[in-house]
Structure formats: C-alpha cells, structure tokens
Amino acid sequence: CPRTVQTLRDNGTLAYTQISHKTYYKPEDVMAIVAVVEDKKKDMRFRKRTG
C-alpha cells in the first residue's frame, strides 16, 4: 500500500516528528513496525498454502 506509513501515523501506531515539512521516525519504531508487517506477510503466505 502506498499510504501505509501515513495510515500508521494517522492511527497513532507509528510516532513521528515533523521539522521544516520533513517527517522523521525513530529507527527502533520503524524496525518494530517492519517486524510486525513481515510476520503478517509470512502468516498470510502460510495460510494460502495450507488453506
């Protein structure tokens, strides 16, 4: 999804800071989100194969 990061910001899942129209994220927050998304993708692939 092209607006995934925007959605995560909007719903409060991903914290951010804006300075001079630029958006910054804490690396540890991004890595935590990436881990969750990867786990969900793995789960979806597994369900497709076994489903």
N, C-alpha and C. Protein backbone atom coordinates (compact mmCIF):
# COMPACT_ATOMS: atom_id res chain seq x y z
N CYS A 1 0.83 -1.19 0.00
CA CYS A 1 0.00 0.00 0.00
C CYS A 1 0.87 1.26 0.00
N PRO A 2 0.63 2.15 -0.86
CA PRO A 2 1.45 3.35 -0.92
C PRO A 2 1.26 4.29 0.27
N ARG A 3 0.15 4.20 0.98
CA ARG A 3 -0.09 5.11 2.11
C ARG A 3 0.01 4.39 3.45
N THR A 4 0.71 3.29 3.50
CA THR A 4 0.81 2.53 4.74
C THR A 4 1.42 3.36 5.86
N VAL A 5 2.52 4.05 5.59
CA VAL A 5 3.17 4.85 6.63
C VAL A 5 2.26 5.98 7.08
N GLN A 6 1.57 6.60 6.15
CA GLN A 6 0.63 7.66 6.51
C GLN A 6 -0.47 7.11 7.41
N THR A 7 -0.98 5.94 7.08
CA THR A 7 -2.03 5.32 7.89
C THR A 7 -1.50 5.01 9.29
N LEU A 8 -0.29 4.49 9.38
CA LEU A 8 0.29 4.19 10.69
C LEU A 8 0.48 5.46 11.52
N ARG A 9 0.83 6.55 10.88
CA ARG A 9 0.94 7.84 11.59
C ARG A 9 -0.43 8.30 12.04
N ASP A 10 -1.40 8.24 11.14
CA ASP A 10 -2.75 8.73 11.45
C ASP A 10 -3.39 7.99 12.61
N ASN A 11 -3.19 6.66 12.66
CA ASN A 11 -3.85 5.91 13.73
C ASN A 11 -3.01 5.79 15.00
N GLY A 12 -1.85 6.47 15.02
CA GLY A 12 -1.03 6.51 16.22
C GLY A 12 -0.12 5.32 16.43
N THR A 13 -0.04 4.44 15.45
CA THR A 13 0.82 3.26 15.58
C THR A 13 2.29 3.61 15.45
N LEU A 14 2.60 4.59 14.60
CA LEU A 14 3.99 4.98 14.36
C LEU A 14 4.18 6.44 14.75
N ALA A 15 5.00 6.65 15.77
CA ALA A 15 5.28 8.02 16.22
C ALA A 15 6.20 8.71 15.23
N TYR A 16 6.09 10.03 15.16
CA TYR A 16 6.92 10.78 14.23
C TYR A 16 7.10 12.21 14.73
N THR A 17 8.06 12.89 14.13
CA THR A 17 8.31 14.30 14.40
C THR A 17 8.43 15.00 13.07
N GLN A 18 7.84 16.19 12.96
CA GLN A 18 7.97 16.96 11.73
C GLN A 18 8.78 18.21 12.01
N ILE A 19 9.80 18.43 11.17
CA ILE A 19 10.63 19.62 11.26
C ILE A 19 10.81 20.16 9.85
N SER A 20 10.41 21.38 9.63
CA SER A 20 10.54 22.03 8.31
C SER A 20 9.93 21.18 7.20
N HIS A 21 8.74 20.71 7.40
CA HIS A 21 8.00 19.92 6.41
C HIS A 21 8.63 18.57 6.11
N LYS A 22 9.54 18.11 6.95
CA LYS A 22 10.14 16.79 6.79
C LYS A 22 9.69 15.93 7.96
N THR A 23 9.43 14.66 7.69
CA THR A 23 8.95 13.75 8.71
C THR A 23 10.08 12.82 9.13
N TYR A 24 10.27 12.69 10.44
CA TYR A 24 11.32 11.85 10.99
C TYR A 24 10.71 10.80 11.90
N TYR A 25 11.32 9.60 11.88
CA TYR A 25 10.87 8.48 12.71
C TYR A 25 12.05 7.96 13.51
N LYS A 26 11.79 7.39 14.67
CA LYS A 26 12.84 6.74 15.43
C LYS A 26 13.14 5.40 14.76
N PRO A 27 14.41 5.09 14.54
CA PRO A 27 14.75 3.83 13.87
C PRO A 27 14.17 2.60 14.57
N GLU A 28 14.16 2.61 15.90
CA GLU A 28 13.64 1.44 16.61
C GLU A 28 12.13 1.28 16.41
N ASP A 29 11.41 2.39 16.26
CA ASP A 29 9.97 2.31 15.98
C ASP A 29 9.72 1.72 14.59
N VAL A 30 10.52 2.16 13.63
CA VAL A 30 10.37 1.65 12.25
C VAL A 30 10.69 0.16 12.22
N MET A 31 11.76 -0.26 12.87
CA MET A 31 12.14 -1.67 12.87
C MET A 31 11.07 -2.53 13.53
N ALA A 32 10.44 -2.02 14.57
CA ALA A 32 9.37 -2.77 15.23
C ALA A 32 8.18 -2.95 14.29
N ILE A 33 7.82 -1.90 13.55
CA ILE A 33 6.71 -1.98 12.60
C ILE A 33 7.05 -2.95 11.47
N VAL A 34 8.28 -2.87 10.96
CA VAL A 34 8.71 -3.76 9.88
C VAL A 34 8.61 -5.21 10.33
N ALA A 35 9.02 -5.51 11.54
CA ALA A 35 8.94 -6.87 12.06
C ALA A 35 7.49 -7.36 12.09
N VAL A 36 6.58 -6.52 12.53
CA VAL A 36 5.16 -6.89 12.59
C VAL A 36 4.62 -7.15 11.18
N VAL A 37 4.94 -6.27 10.25
CA VAL A 37 4.45 -6.42 8.87
C VAL A 37 5.01 -7.69 8.24
N GLU A 38 6.29 -7.97 8.45
CA GLU A 38 6.89 -9.19 7.91
C GLU A 38 6.22 -10.43 8.47
N ASP A 39 5.94 -10.44 9.77
CA ASP A 39 5.26 -11.57 10.39
C ASP A 39 3.88 -11.78 9.79
N LYS A 40 3.15 -10.69 9.55
CA LYS A 40 1.82 -10.81 8.95
C LYS A 40 1.90 -11.36 7.54
N LYS A 41 2.91 -10.92 6.77
CA LYS A 41 3.08 -11.42 5.40
C LYS A 41 3.39 -12.91 5.41
N LYS A 42 4.27 -13.34 6.32
CA LYS A 42 4.61 -14.76 6.43
C LYS A 42 3.37 -15.57 6.77
N ASP A 43 2.58 -15.06 7.71
CA ASP A 43 1.36 -15.75 8.12
C ASP A 43 0.38 -15.88 6.95
N MET A 44 0.24 -14.81 6.16
CA MET A 44 -0.68 -14.85 5.02
C MET A 44 -0.21 -15.87 3.98
N ARG A 45 1.09 -15.93 3.71
CA ARG A 45 1.62 -16.90 2.75
C ARG A 45 1.39 -18.31 3.25
N PHE A 46 1.60 -18.54 4.54
CA PHE A 46 1.39 -19.86 5.11
C PHE A 46 -0.07 -20.27 5.00
N ARG A 47 -0.96 -19.36 5.28
CA ARG A 47 -2.40 -19.66 5.21
C ARG A 47 -2.83 -19.96 3.78
N LYS A 48 -2.25 -19.27 2.80
CA LYS A 48 -2.58 -19.53 1.40
C LYS A 48 -2.18 -20.95 1.01
N ARG A 49 -0.99 -21.38 1.47
CA ARG A 49 -0.50 -22.72 1.11
C ARG A 49 -1.30 -23.81 1.79
N THR A 50 -1.75 -23.58 3.00
CA THR A 50 -2.44 -24.62 3.76
C THR A 50 -3.96 -24.52 3.65
N GLY A 51 -4.43 -23.41 3.09
CA GLY A 51 -5.85 -23.11 3.09
C GLY A 51 -6.61 -23.82 2.08
